[in-house]
C-alpha cells in the first residue's frame, strides 16, 4: 500500500484513481524515474565537491559482456 501512495503522490493523483486507472508499468516507471533522479543528484553532489561521479551498478558478468562486445567490434 505504501507504493500506491508514493506513486500517486509522484503523479499527482488520488490513490483511488491510481488503483482504478493505473497498472504495474506506472509503478516501474515511477521507480525508474526516482532512481535516475537519485543518480543525477549524486552526480551533481560529487561534482560540486570536486569528486567523481558514482559508477553504474553493474555485475561483473555484465561488465565482462560489455568488454567482450567492444573487443568484437574492434576486430571487425
PDB file of N, CA and C in Angstrom:
ATOM      1  N   UNK A   1       0.808  -1.189   0.000  1.00  0.00           N
ATOM      2  CA  UNK A   1       0.000   0.000   0.000  1.00  0.00           C
ATOM      3  C   UNK A   1       0.855   1.258   0.000  1.00  0.00           C
ATOM      4  N   UNK A   2       2.028   1.212   0.582  1.00  0.00           N
ATOM      5  CA  UNK A   2       2.901   2.384   0.599  1.00  0.00           C
ATOM      6  C   UNK A   2       3.301   2.750  -0.820  1.00  0.00           C
ATOM      7  N   UNK A   3       3.538   1.766  -1.664  1.00  0.00           N
ATOM      8  CA  UNK A   3       3.917   2.023  -3.054  1.00  0.00           C
ATOM      9  C   UNK A   3       2.813   2.764  -3.786  1.00  0.00           C
ATOM     10  N   UNK A   4       1.578   2.406  -3.567  1.00  0.00           N
ATOM     11  CA  UNK A   4       0.468   3.084  -4.224  1.00  0.00           C
ATOM     12  C   UNK A   4       0.443   4.549  -3.823  1.00  0.00           C
ATOM     13  N   UNK A   5       0.624   4.825  -2.540  1.00  0.00           N
ATOM     14  CA  UNK A   5       0.643   6.204  -2.063  1.00  0.00           C
ATOM     15  C   UNK A   5       1.795   6.974  -2.699  1.00  0.00           C
ATOM     16  N   UNK A   6       2.968   6.361  -2.747  1.00  0.00           N
ATOM     17  CA  UNK A   6       4.158   7.014  -3.299  1.00  0.00           C
ATOM     18  C   UNK A   6       3.983   7.323  -4.784  1.00  0.00           C
ATOM     19  N   UNK A   7       3.484   6.366  -5.564  1.00  0.00           N
ATOM     20  CA  UNK A   7       3.273   6.580  -6.996  1.00  0.00           C
ATOM     21  C   UNK A   7       2.187   7.623  -7.216  1.00  0.00           C
ATOM     22  N   UNK A   8       1.122   7.567  -6.432  1.00  0.00           N
ATOM     23  CA  UNK A   8       0.048   8.556  -6.562  1.00  0.00           C
ATOM     24  C   UNK A   8       0.565   9.964  -6.289  1.00  0.00           C
ATOM     25  N   UNK A   9       1.381  10.129  -5.259  1.00  0.00           N
ATOM     26  CA  UNK A   9       1.966  11.448  -4.976  1.00  0.00           C
ATOM     27  C   UNK A   9       2.855  11.899  -6.120  1.00  0.00           C
ATOM     28  N   UNK A  10       3.654  10.991  -6.650  1.00  0.00           N
ATOM     29  CA  UNK A  10       4.573  11.343  -7.743  1.00  0.00           C
ATOM     30  C   UNK A  10       3.812  11.844  -8.962  1.00  0.00           C
ATOM     31  N   UNK A  11       2.699  11.205  -9.274  1.00  0.00           N
ATOM     32  CA  UNK A  11       1.920  11.587 -10.452  1.00  0.00           C
ATOM     33  C   UNK A  11       0.817  12.598 -10.149  1.00  0.00           C
ATOM     34  N   UNK A  12       0.627  12.934  -8.890  1.00  0.00           N
ATOM     35  CA  UNK A  12      -0.363  13.931  -8.520  1.00  0.00           C
ATOM     36  C   UNK A  12      -1.796  13.478  -8.715  1.00  0.00           C
ATOM     37  N   UNK A  13      -2.054  12.212  -8.384  1.00  0.00           N
ATOM     38  CA  UNK A  13      -3.417  11.687  -8.472  1.00  0.00           C
ATOM     39  C   UNK A  13      -3.784  11.075  -7.131  1.00  0.00           C
ATOM     40  N   UNK A  14      -5.086  10.893  -6.941  1.00  0.00           N
ATOM     41  CA  UNK A  14      -5.539  10.218  -5.729  1.00  0.00           C
ATOM     42  C   UNK A  14      -5.210   8.728  -5.829  1.00  0.00           C
ATOM     43  N   UNK A  15      -4.895   8.100  -4.704  1.00  0.00           N
ATOM     44  CA  UNK A  15      -4.623   6.662  -4.739  1.00  0.00           C
ATOM     45  C   UNK A  15      -5.759   5.857  -5.369  1.00  0.00           C
ATOM     46  N   UNK A  16      -6.999   6.260  -5.114  1.00  0.00           N
ATOM     47  CA  UNK A  16      -8.132   5.531  -5.702  1.00  0.00           C
ATOM     48  C   UNK A  16      -8.128   5.639  -7.229  1.00  0.00           C
ATOM     49  N   UNK A  17      -7.709   6.791  -7.760  1.00  0.00           N
ATOM     50  CA  UNK A  17      -7.623   6.939  -9.213  1.00  0.00           C
ATOM     51  C   UNK A  17      -6.497   6.071  -9.767  1.00  0.00           C
ATOM     52  N   UNK A  18      -5.377   6.019  -9.055  1.00  0.00           N
ATOM     53  CA  UNK A  18      -4.266   5.170  -9.488  1.00  0.00           C
ATOM     54  C   UNK A  18      -4.686   3.701  -9.498  1.00  0.00           C
ATOM     55  N   UNK A  19      -5.425   3.271  -8.477  1.00  0.00           N
ATOM     56  CA  UNK A  19      -5.880   1.879  -8.425  1.00  0.00           C
ATOM     57  C   UNK A  19      -6.835   1.593  -9.583  1.00  0.00           C
ATOM     58  N   UNK A  20      -7.704   2.548  -9.884  1.00  0.00           N
ATOM     59  CA  UNK A  20      -8.705   2.341 -10.933  1.00  0.00           C
ATOM     60  C   UNK A  20      -8.086   2.393 -12.333  1.00  0.00           C
ATOM     61  N   UNK A  21      -7.138   3.301 -12.554  1.00  0.00           N
ATOM     62  CA  UNK A  21      -6.635   3.521 -13.916  1.00  0.00           C
ATOM     63  C   UNK A  21      -5.187   3.097 -14.119  1.00  0.00           C
ATOM     64  N   UNK A  22      -4.449   2.904 -13.054  1.00  0.00           N
ATOM     65  CA  UNK A  22      -3.023   2.602 -13.184  1.00  0.00           C
ATOM     66  C   UNK A  22      -2.756   1.126 -13.370  1.00  0.00           C
ATOM     67  N   UNK A  23      -1.473   0.821 -13.632  1.00  0.00           N
ATOM     68  CA  UNK A  23      -1.058  -0.577 -13.712  1.00  0.00           C
ATOM     69  C   UNK A  23       0.381  -0.703 -13.247  1.00  0.00           C
ATOM     70  N   UNK A  24       0.931  -1.878 -13.367  1.00  0.00           N
ATOM     71  CA  UNK A  24       2.281  -2.120 -12.848  1.00  0.00           C
ATOM     72  C   UNK A  24       3.342  -1.320 -13.603  1.00  0.00           C
ATOM     73  N   UNK A  25       3.072  -0.951 -14.842  1.00  0.00           N
ATOM     74  CA  UNK A  25       4.039  -0.143 -15.600  1.00  0.00           C
ATOM     75  C   UNK A  25       4.212   1.217 -14.933  1.00  0.00           C
ATOM     76  N   UNK A  26       3.148   1.772 -14.393  1.00  0.00           N
ATOM     77  CA  UNK A  26       3.240   3.049 -13.691  1.00  0.00           C
ATOM     78  C   UNK A  26       4.196   2.957 -12.510  1.00  0.00           C
ATOM     79  N   UNK A  27       4.114   1.870 -11.768  1.00  0.00           N
ATOM     80  CA  UNK A  27       4.995   1.673 -10.616  1.00  0.00           C
ATOM     81  C   UNK A  27       6.438   1.520 -11.088  1.00  0.00           C
ATOM     82  N   UNK A  28       6.652   0.726 -12.130  1.00  0.00           N
ATOM     83  CA  UNK A  28       8.012   0.528 -12.637  1.00  0.00           C
ATOM     84  C   UNK A  28       8.608   1.844 -13.151  1.00  0.00           C
ATOM     85  N   UNK A  29       7.814   2.633 -13.867  1.00  0.00           N
ATOM     86  CA  UNK A  29       8.317   3.893 -14.418  1.00  0.00           C
ATOM     87  C   UNK A  29       8.596   4.903 -13.309  1.00  0.00           C
ATOM     88  N   UNK A  30       7.760   4.935 -12.289  1.00  0.00           N
ATOM     89  CA  UNK A  30       7.999   5.832 -11.165  1.00  0.00           C
ATOM     90  C   UNK A  30       9.290   5.451 -10.457  1.00  0.00           C
ATOM     91  N   UNK A  31       9.505   4.155 -10.268  1.00  0.00           N
ATOM     92  CA  UNK A  31      10.733   3.683  -9.627  1.00  0.00           C
ATOM     93  C   UNK A  31      11.952   4.025 -10.473  1.00  0.00           C
ATOM     94  N   UNK A  32      11.849   3.823 -11.766  1.00  0.00           N
ATOM     95  CA  UNK A  32      12.949   4.162 -12.671  1.00  0.00           C
ATOM     96  C   UNK A  32      13.238   5.657 -12.630  1.00  0.00           C
ATOM     97  N   UNK A  33      12.184   6.468 -12.621  1.00  0.00           N
ATOM     98  CA  UNK A  33      12.359   7.919 -12.566  1.00  0.00           C
ATOM     99  C   UNK A  33      13.064   8.364 -11.302  1.00  0.00           C
ATOM    100  N   UNK A  34      12.674   7.811 -10.176  1.00  0.00           N
ATOM    101  CA  UNK A  34      13.305   8.172  -8.908  1.00  0.00           C
ATOM    102  C   UNK A  34      14.757   7.711  -8.884  1.00  0.00           C
ATOM    103  N   UNK A  35      15.017   6.527  -9.408  1.00  0.00           N
ATOM    104  CA  UNK A  35      16.402   6.031  -9.455  1.00  0.00           C
ATOM    105  C   UNK A  35      17.273   6.957 -10.290  1.00  0.00           C
ATOM    106  N   UNK A  36      16.752   7.414 -11.417  1.00  0.00           N
ATOM    107  CA  UNK A  36      17.514   8.320 -12.278  1.00  0.00           C
ATOM    108  C   UNK A  36      17.719   9.676 -11.599  1.00  0.00           C
ATOM    109  N   UNK A  37      16.693  10.180 -10.938  1.00  0.00           N
ATOM    110  CA  UNK A  37      16.833  11.443 -10.195  1.00  0.00           C
ATOM    111  C   UNK A  37      17.909  11.316  -9.119  1.00  0.00           C
ATOM    112  N   UNK A  38      17.900  10.206  -8.390  1.00  0.00           N
ATOM    113  CA  UNK A  38      18.912   9.979  -7.355  1.00  0.00           C
ATOM    114  C   UNK A  38      20.304   9.928  -7.957  1.00  0.00           C
ATOM    115  N   UNK A  39      20.443   9.272  -9.108  1.00  0.00           N
ATOM    116  CA  UNK A  39      21.731   9.201  -9.786  1.00  0.00           C
ATOM    117  C   UNK A  39      22.214  10.598 -10.161  1.00  0.00           C
ATOM    118  N   UNK A  40      21.328  11.404 -10.739  1.00  0.00           N
ATOM    119  CA  UNK A  40      21.710  12.762 -11.130  1.00  0.00           C
ATOM    120  C   UNK A  40      22.084  13.607  -9.916  1.00  0.00           C
ATOM    121  N   UNK A  41      21.349  13.437  -8.812  1.00  0.00           N
ATOM    122  CA  UNK A  41      21.676  14.180  -7.590  1.00  0.00           C
ATOM    123  C   UNK A  41      23.040  13.788  -7.043  1.00  0.00           C
ATOM    124  N   UNK A  42      23.333  12.486  -7.021  1.00  0.00           N
ATOM    125  CA  UNK A  42      24.643  12.031  -6.543  1.00  0.00           C
ATOM    126  C   UNK A  42      25.753  12.529  -7.450  1.00  0.00           C
ATOM    127  N   UNK A  43      25.508  12.530  -8.753  1.00  0.00           N
ATOM    128  CA  UNK A  43      26.490  13.003  -9.719  1.00  0.00           C
ATOM    129  C   UNK A  43      26.764  14.498  -9.508  1.00  0.00           C
ATOM    130  N   UNK A  44      25.710  15.280  -9.330  1.00  0.00           N
ATOM    131  CA  UNK A  44      25.867  16.719  -9.111  1.00  0.00           C
ATOM    132  C   UNK A  44      26.564  17.000  -7.787  1.00  0.00           C
ATOM    133  N   UNK A  45      26.223  16.232  -6.758  1.00  0.00           N
ATOM    134  CA  UNK A  45      26.858  16.417  -5.454  1.00  0.00           C
ATOM    135  C   UNK A  45      28.352  16.104  -5.524  1.00  0.00           C
ATOM    136  N   UNK A  46      28.696  15.021  -6.216  1.00  0.00           N
ATOM    137  CA  UNK A  46      30.106  14.657  -6.355  1.00  0.00           C
ATOM    138  C   UNK A  46      30.855  15.736  -7.138  1.00  0.00           C
ATOM    139  N   UNK A  47      30.239  16.240  -8.180  1.00  0.00           N
ATOM    140  CA  UNK A  47      30.880  17.281  -8.997  1.00  0.00           C
ATOM    141  C   UNK A  47      31.090  18.554  -8.186  1.00  0.00           C
ATOM    142  N   UNK A  48      30.115  18.930  -7.373  1.00  0.00           N
ATOM    143  CA  UNK A  48      30.238  20.153  -6.580  1.00  0.00           C
ATOM    144  C   UNK A  48      31.323  20.032  -5.517  1.00  0.00           C
ATOM    145  N   UNK A  49      31.611  18.790  -5.093  1.00  0.00           N
ATOM    146  CA  UNK A  49      32.657  18.572  -4.092  1.00  0.00           C
ATOM    147  C   UNK A  49      34.003  18.239  -4.724  1.00  0.00           C
ATOM    148  N   UNK A  50      34.071  18.289  -6.058  1.00  0.00           N
ATOM    149  CA  UNK A  50      35.325  18.003  -6.746  1.00  0.00           C
ATOM    150  C   UNK A  50      35.622  16.527  -6.877  1.00  0.00           C
ATOM    151  N   UNK A  51      34.649  15.687  -6.658  1.00  0.00           N
ATOM    152  CA  UNK A  51      34.845  14.244  -6.755  1.00  0.00           C
ATOM    153  C   UNK A  51      34.456  13.713  -8.125  1.00  0.00           C
ATOM    154  N   UNK A  52      34.392  12.410  -8.219  1.00  0.00           N
ATOM    155  CA  UNK A  52      33.992  11.773  -9.476  1.00  0.00           C
ATOM    156  C   UNK A  52      32.573  11.240  -9.348  1.00  0.00           C
ATOM    157  N   UNK A  53      31.911  11.109 -10.475  1.00  0.00           N
ATOM    158  CA  UNK A  53      30.541  10.599 -10.495  1.00  0.00           C
ATOM    159  C   UNK A  53      30.518   9.144 -10.037  1.00  0.00           C
ATOM    160  N   UNK A  54      29.442   8.734  -9.383  1.00  0.00           N
ATOM    161  CA  UNK A  54      29.354   7.334  -8.955  1.00  0.00           C
ATOM    162  C   UNK A  54      29.308   6.399 -10.156  1.00  0.00           C
ATOM    163  N   UNK A  55      29.950   5.271 -10.016  1.00  0.00           N
ATOM    164  CA  UNK A  55      29.963   4.281 -11.095  1.00  0.00           C
ATOM    165  C   UNK A  55      28.612   3.594 -11.185  1.00  0.00           C
ATOM    166  N   UNK A  56      28.237   3.180 -12.401  1.00  0.00           N
ATOM    167  CA  UNK A  56      26.975   2.448 -12.525  1.00  0.00           C
ATOM    168  C   UNK A  56      27.056   1.119 -11.774  1.00  0.00           C
ATOM    169  N   UNK A  57      25.913   0.652 -11.328  1.00  0.00           N
ATOM    170  CA  UNK A  57      25.867  -0.616 -10.581  1.00  0.00           C
ATOM    171  C   UNK A  57      25.682  -1.760 -11.560  1.00  0.00           C
ATOM    172  N   UNK A  58      26.794  -2.355 -11.971  1.00  0.00           N
ATOM    173  CA  UNK A  58      26.780  -3.476 -12.904  1.00  0.00           C
ATOM    174  C   UNK A  58      27.457  -4.675 -12.258  1.00  0.00           C
ATOM    175  N   UNK A  59      26.995  -5.851 -12.597  1.00  0.00           N
ATOM    176  CA  UNK A  59      27.645  -7.059 -12.095  1.00  0.00           C
ATOM    177  C   UNK A  59      28.914  -7.302 -12.911  1.00  0.00           C
ATOM    178  N   UNK A  60      29.775  -8.162 -12.408  1.00  0.00           N
ATOM    179  CA  UNK A  60      30.993  -8.493 -13.141  1.00  0.00           C
ATOM    180  C   UNK A  60      30.664  -9.154 -14.468  1.00  0.00           C
ATOM    181  N   UNK A  61      29.598  -9.939 -14.476  1.00  0.00           N
ATOM    182  CA  UNK A  61      29.202 -10.605 -15.719  1.00  0.00           C
ATOM    183  C   UNK A  61      28.771  -9.580 -16.773  1.00  0.00           C
ATOM    184  N   UNK A  62      28.009  -8.576 -16.331  1.00  0.00           N
ATOM    185  CA  UNK A  62      27.571  -7.536 -17.271  1.00  0.00           C
ATOM    186  C   UNK A  62      28.760  -6.750 -17.812  1.00  0.00           C
ATOM    187  N   UNK A  63      29.698  -6.421 -16.939  1.00  0.00           N
ATOM    188  CA  UNK A  63      30.879  -5.680 -17.378  1.00  0.00           C
ATOM    189  C   UNK A  63      31.737  -6.519 -18.322  1.00  0.00           C
ATOM    190  N   UNK A  64      31.892  -7.803 -18.019  1.00  0.00           N
ATOM    191  CA  UNK A  64      32.671  -8.691 -18.881  1.00  0.00           C
ATOM    192  C   UNK A  64      32.026  -8.799 -20.263  1.00  0.00           C
ATOM    193  N   UNK A  65      30.705  -8.888 -20.302  1.00  0.00           N
ATOM    194  CA  UNK A  65      29.992  -8.960 -21.579  1.00  0.00           C
ATOM    195  C   UNK A  65      30.164  -7.667 -22.370  1.00  0.00           C
ATOM    196  N   UNK A  66      30.114  -6.534 -21.693  1.00  0.00           N
ATOM    197  CA  UNK A  66      30.315  -5.252 -22.373  1.00  0.00           C
ATOM    198  C   UNK A  66      31.723  -5.170 -22.957  1.00  0.00           C
ATOM    199  N   UNK A  67      32.706  -5.596 -22.195  1.00  0.00           N
ATOM    200  CA  UNK A  67      34.083  -5.595 -22.665  1.00  0.00           C
ATOM    201  C   UNK A  67      34.247  -6.513 -23.870  1.00  0.00           C
ATOM    202  N   UNK A  68      33.650  -7.679 -23.818  1.00  0.00           N
ATOM    203  CA  UNK A  68      33.715  -8.626 -24.939  1.00  0.00           C
ATOM    204  C   UNK A  68      33.062  -8.035 -26.181  1.00  0.00           C
ATOM    205  N   UNK A  69      31.936  -7.338 -26.012  1.00  0.00           N
ATOM    206  CA  UNK A  69      31.274  -6.692 -27.153  1.00  0.00           C
ATOM    207  C   UNK A  69      32.169  -5.646 -27.803  1.00  0.00           C
ATOM    208  N   UNK A  70      32.877  -4.886 -27.006  1.00  0.00           N
ATOM    209  CA  UNK A  70      33.791  -3.870 -27.544  1.00  0.00           C
ATOM    210  C   UNK A  70      34.946  -4.550 -28.283  1.00  0.00           C
ATOM    211  N   UNK A  71      35.468  -5.598 -27.721  1.00  0.00           N
ATOM    212  CA  UNK A  71      36.579  -6.306 -28.374  1.00  0.00           C
ATOM    213  C   UNK A  71      36.136  -6.889 -29.716  1.00  0.00           C
ATOM    214  N   UNK A  72      34.920  -7.412 -29.773  1.00  0.00           N
ATOM    215  CA  UNK A  72      34.403  -7.962 -31.029  1.00  0.00           C
ATOM    216  C   UNK A  72      34.260  -6.867 -32.085  1.00  0.00           C
ATOM    217  N   UNK A  73      33.817  -5.678 -31.686  1.00  0.00           N
ATOM    218  CA  UNK A  73      33.667  -4.578 -32.641  1.00  0.00           C
ATOM    219  C   UNK A  73      34.999  -4.119 -33.203  1.00  0.00           C
ATOM    220  N   UNK A  74      36.031  -4.114 -32.348  1.00  0.00           N
ATOM    221  CA  UNK A  74      37.351  -3.686 -32.800  1.00  0.00           C
ATOM    222  C   UNK A  74      37.975  -4.662 -33.788  1.00  0.00           C
ATOM    223  N   UNK A  75      37.607  -5.934 -33.694  1.00  0.00           N
ATOM    224  CA  UNK A  75      38.164  -6.943 -34.612  1.00  0.00           C
ATOM    225  C   UNK A  75      37.582  -6.832 -35.998  1.00  0.00           C
ATOM    226  N   UNK A  76      36.425  -6.243 -36.154  1.00  0.00           N
ATOM    227  CA  UNK A  76      35.771  -6.159 -37.465  1.00  0.00           C
ATOM    228  C   UNK A  76      36.416  -5.133 -38.355  1.00  0.00           C
TER     229      UNK A  76
END
